[in-house]
Amino acid sequence: PPPAESLPDRTLRLLAELDTKQLWQKKQVKEYYVELTDIVRNYIEERFHTVAMELTTDELLYKAQLLRDLQPYHSLLSDILQTADLAKFAKAQPLPQEHTDAMEKAKQIVISSRPVIIESPTEKTT
């Protein structure tokens, strides 16, 4: 059987699929951010083994400040979630650049938090 898709690979695939739907270009801004934040929050839950889906933006950002592994991503996460909240709840219309920035920041979180696999050195045979 083919190897199971890793969490980062699956998340990047889901982000790419969201990008190809072109939701915000079709004036479906709220739907775009609902899906984007769901992907990011699911990634955080699985990658950092912490609750994220049930938390408000403020609660998740507070948690990100406290968890050492999540601290490096606090700023990126804050930018994504706050833009999403404005689009979802305040019916704000972010600029096109803000949509692409949110997607790029989501990808950056996934890529930069990819677990490092350390392989043990193998003995060379002659």
C-alpha atoms as a PDB file:
ATOM      1  CA  PRO A   1       0.000   0.000   0.000  1.00  0.00           C
ATOM      2  CA  PRO A   2       1.164   3.579  -0.577  1.00  0.00           C
ATOM      3  CA  PRO A   3       2.635   5.302   2.483  1.00  0.00           C
ATOM      4  CA  ALA A   4       0.164   7.308   4.533  1.00  0.00           C
ATOM      5  CA  GLU A   5       0.104  11.015   3.763  1.00  0.00           C
ATOM      6  CA  SER A   6       1.895  12.980   6.466  1.00  0.00           C
ATOM      7  CA  LEU A   7       0.048  15.673   8.392  1.00  0.00           C
ATOM      8  CA  PRO A   8       2.007  18.535   6.790  1.00  0.00           C
ATOM      9  CA  ASP A   9       1.549  17.074   3.300  1.00  0.00           C
ATOM     10  CA  ARG A  10      -2.172  16.565   3.851  1.00  0.00           C
ATOM     11  CA  THR A  11      -2.575  20.080   5.234  1.00  0.00           C
ATOM     12  CA  LEU A  12      -0.671  21.650   2.334  1.00  0.00           C
ATOM     13  CA  ARG A  13      -2.820  19.645  -0.088  1.00  0.00           C
ATOM     14  CA  LEU A  14      -6.010  20.885   1.598  1.00  0.00           C
ATOM     15  CA  LEU A  15      -4.734  24.473   1.427  1.00  0.00           C
ATOM     16  CA  ALA A  16      -3.919  24.037  -2.265  1.00  0.00           C
ATOM     17  CA  GLU A  17      -7.387  22.598  -2.894  1.00  0.00           C
ATOM     18  CA  LEU A  18      -8.942  25.573  -1.119  1.00  0.00           C
ATOM     19  CA  ASP A  19      -6.844  27.901  -3.258  1.00  0.00           C
ATOM     20  CA  THR A  20      -8.052  26.254  -6.481  1.00  0.00           C
ATOM     21  CA  LYS A  21     -11.702  26.717  -5.444  1.00  0.00           C
ATOM     22  CA  GLN A  22     -11.148  30.491  -5.759  1.00  0.00           C
ATOM     23  CA  LEU A  23     -13.846  31.176  -3.178  1.00  0.00           C
ATOM     24  CA  TRP A  24     -12.847  34.730  -2.338  1.00  0.00           C
ATOM     25  CA  GLN A  25     -12.559  35.544  -6.052  1.00  0.00           C
ATOM     26  CA  LYS A  26     -16.171  34.358  -6.402  1.00  0.00           C
ATOM     27  CA  LYS A  27     -17.257  36.691  -3.574  1.00  0.00           C
ATOM     28  CA  GLN A  28     -17.534  33.779  -1.116  1.00  0.00           C
ATOM     29  CA  VAL A  29     -15.229  35.443   1.397  1.00  0.00           C
ATOM     30  CA  LYS A  30     -16.843  34.042   4.533  1.00  0.00           C
ATOM     31  CA  GLU A  31     -16.733  30.496   3.157  1.00  0.00           C
ATOM     32  CA  TYR A  32     -13.069  30.957   2.230  1.00  0.00           C
ATOM     33  CA  TYR A  33     -12.120  31.952   5.765  1.00  0.00           C
ATOM     34  CA  VAL A  34     -14.269  29.297   7.421  1.00  0.00           C
ATOM     35  CA  GLU A  35     -12.461  26.630   5.427  1.00  0.00           C
ATOM     36  CA  LEU A  36      -9.025  28.232   5.839  1.00  0.00           C
ATOM     37  CA  THR A  37      -9.330  28.519   9.610  1.00  0.00           C
ATOM     38  CA  ASP A  38     -10.708  24.985   9.900  1.00  0.00           C
ATOM     39  CA  ILE A  39      -7.657  23.645   8.051  1.00  0.00           C
ATOM     40  CA  VAL A  40      -5.260  25.676  10.221  1.00  0.00           C
ATOM     41  CA  ARG A  41      -7.013  24.801  13.486  1.00  0.00           C
ATOM     42  CA  ASN A  42      -7.107  21.080  12.607  1.00  0.00           C
ATOM     43  CA  TYR A  43      -3.408  21.205  11.800  1.00  0.00           C
ATOM     44  CA  ILE A  44      -2.653  22.870  15.144  1.00  0.00           C
ATOM     45  CA  GLU A  45      -4.684  20.263  17.014  1.00  0.00           C
ATOM     46  CA  GLU A  46      -2.902  17.342  15.373  1.00  0.00           C
ATOM     47  CA  ARG A  47       0.585  18.821  15.167  1.00  0.00           C
ATOM     48  CA  PHE A  48       0.750  20.403  18.626  1.00  0.00           C
ATOM     49  CA  HIS A  49      -1.656  18.022  20.418  1.00  0.00           C
ATOM     50  CA  THR A  50      -3.829  20.806  21.776  1.00  0.00           C
ATOM     51  CA  VAL A  51      -7.447  21.836  21.462  1.00  0.00           C
ATOM     52  CA  ALA A  52      -7.976  24.498  18.791  1.00  0.00           C
ATOM     53  CA  MET A  53     -11.324  23.911  17.074  1.00  0.00           C
ATOM     54  CA  GLU A  54     -13.459  24.733  20.109  1.00  0.00           C
ATOM     55  CA  LEU A  55     -11.548  27.848  21.155  1.00  0.00           C
ATOM     56  CA  THR A  56     -12.288  31.441  20.241  1.00  0.00           C
ATOM     57  CA  THR A  57      -9.585  33.361  18.423  1.00  0.00           C
ATOM     58  CA  ASP A  58      -8.554  35.124  21.642  1.00  0.00           C
ATOM     59  CA  GLU A  59      -8.405  31.840  23.562  1.00  0.00           C
ATOM     60  CA  LEU A  60      -6.313  30.158  20.874  1.00  0.00           C
ATOM     61  CA  LEU A  61      -3.909  33.090  20.624  1.00  0.00           C
ATOM     62  CA  TYR A  62      -3.540  33.146  24.417  1.00  0.00           C
ATOM     63  CA  LYS A  63      -2.791  29.414  24.346  1.00  0.00           C
ATOM     64  CA  ALA A  64      -0.259  29.965  21.535  1.00  0.00           C
ATOM     65  CA  GLN A  65       1.592  32.427  23.759  1.00  0.00           C
ATOM     66  CA  LEU A  66       1.780  29.881  26.569  1.00  0.00           C
ATOM     67  CA  LEU A  67       2.754  26.774  24.606  1.00  0.00           C
ATOM     68  CA  ARG A  68       6.453  26.840  23.833  1.00  0.00           C
ATOM     69  CA  ASP A  69       6.047  24.876  20.589  1.00  0.00           C
ATOM     70  CA  LEU A  70       3.349  27.253  19.317  1.00  0.00           C
ATOM     71  CA  GLN A  71       5.002  30.545  20.331  1.00  0.00           C
ATOM     72  CA  PRO A  72       7.002  30.968  17.098  1.00  0.00           C
ATOM     73  CA  TYR A  73       3.754  30.888  15.092  1.00  0.00           C
ATOM     74  CA  HIS A  74       1.733  33.275  17.274  1.00  0.00           C
ATOM     75  CA  SER A  75       2.131  36.278  14.976  1.00  0.00           C
ATOM     76  CA  LEU A  76       1.240  34.361  11.803  1.00  0.00           C
ATOM     77  CA  LEU A  77      -1.700  32.715  13.526  1.00  0.00           C
ATOM     78  CA  SER A  78      -2.897  36.042  14.881  1.00  0.00           C
ATOM     79  CA  ASP A  79      -2.847  37.636  11.424  1.00  0.00           C
ATOM     80  CA  ILE A  80      -4.794  34.755   9.868  1.00  0.00           C
ATOM     81  CA  LEU A  81      -7.417  34.468  12.604  1.00  0.00           C
ATOM     82  CA  GLN A  82      -8.034  38.180  13.023  1.00  0.00           C
ATOM     83  CA  THR A  83      -8.495  38.714   9.281  1.00  0.00           C
ATOM     84  CA  ALA A  84     -10.791  35.685   9.218  1.00  0.00           C
ATOM     85  CA  ASP A  85     -12.855  36.976  12.143  1.00  0.00           C
ATOM     86  CA  LEU A  86     -13.356  40.327  10.421  1.00  0.00           C
ATOM     87  CA  ALA A  87     -14.475  38.588   7.235  1.00  0.00           C
ATOM     88  CA  LYS A  88     -16.680  36.015   8.978  1.00  0.00           C
ATOM     89  CA  PHE A  89     -18.296  38.041  11.746  1.00  0.00           C
ATOM     90  CA  ALA A  90     -17.922  41.731  10.917  1.00  0.00           C
ATOM     91  CA  LYS A  91     -18.708  41.152   7.248  1.00  0.00           C
ATOM     92  CA  ALA A  92     -15.540  43.051   6.369  1.00  0.00           C
ATOM     93  CA  GLN A  93     -14.184  42.728   2.853  1.00  0.00           C
ATOM     94  CA  PRO A  94     -10.433  42.159   3.111  1.00  0.00           C
ATOM     95  CA  LEU A  95      -8.345  43.296   0.171  1.00  0.00           C
ATOM     96  CA  PRO A  96      -7.218  40.651  -2.352  1.00  0.00           C
ATOM     97  CA  GLN A  97      -3.681  40.885  -0.957  1.00  0.00           C
ATOM     98  CA  GLU A  98      -4.997  40.059   2.530  1.00  0.00           C
ATOM     99  CA  HIS A  99      -6.603  36.869   1.199  1.00  0.00           C
ATOM    100  CA  THR A 100      -3.381  35.711  -0.424  1.00  0.00           C
ATOM    101  CA  ASP A 101      -1.371  36.754   2.651  1.00  0.00           C
ATOM    102  CA  ALA A 102      -3.615  34.634   4.900  1.00  0.00           C
ATOM    103  CA  MET A 103      -3.090  31.618   2.641  1.00  0.00           C
ATOM    104  CA  GLU A 104       0.680  32.153   2.505  1.00  0.00           C
ATOM    105  CA  LYS A 105       0.879  32.534   6.284  1.00  0.00           C
ATOM    106  CA  ALA A 106      -1.087  29.302   6.743  1.00  0.00           C
ATOM    107  CA  LYS A 107       1.357  27.504   4.449  1.00  0.00           C
ATOM    108  CA  GLN A 108       4.278  29.087   6.292  1.00  0.00           C
ATOM    109  CA  ILE A 109       3.019  27.733   9.635  1.00  0.00           C
ATOM    110  CA  VAL A 110       2.784  24.228   8.189  1.00  0.00           C
ATOM    111  CA  ILE A 111       6.144  24.299   6.410  1.00  0.00           C
ATOM    112  CA  SER A 112       8.088  25.857   9.279  1.00  0.00           C
ATOM    113  CA  SER A 113       6.548  23.586  11.928  1.00  0.00           C
ATOM    114  CA  ARG A 114       7.122  20.377   9.986  1.00  0.00           C
ATOM    115  CA  PRO A 115       8.574  17.834  12.421  1.00  0.00           C
ATOM    116  CA  VAL A 116      12.249  17.143  11.872  1.00  0.00           C
ATOM    117  CA  ILE A 117      12.964  13.471  11.372  1.00  0.00           C
ATOM    118  CA  ILE A 118      16.373  12.506  12.653  1.00  0.00           C
ATOM    119  CA  GLU A 119      17.677   9.319  11.163  1.00  0.00           C
ATOM    120  CA  SER A 120      20.254   7.378  13.055  1.00  0.00           C
ATOM    121  CA  PRO A 121      23.512   7.024  11.176  1.00  0.00           C
ATOM    122  CA  THR A 122      23.906   3.663   9.510  1.00  0.00           C
ATOM    123  CA  GLU A 123      27.157   1.854   9.292  1.00  0.00           C
ATOM    124  CA  LYS A 124      28.775   1.851   5.888  1.00  0.00           C
ATOM    125  CA  THR A 125      29.582  -1.530   4.464  1.00  0.00           C
ATOM    126  CA  THR A 126      32.678  -1.931   2.337  1.00  0.00           C
END
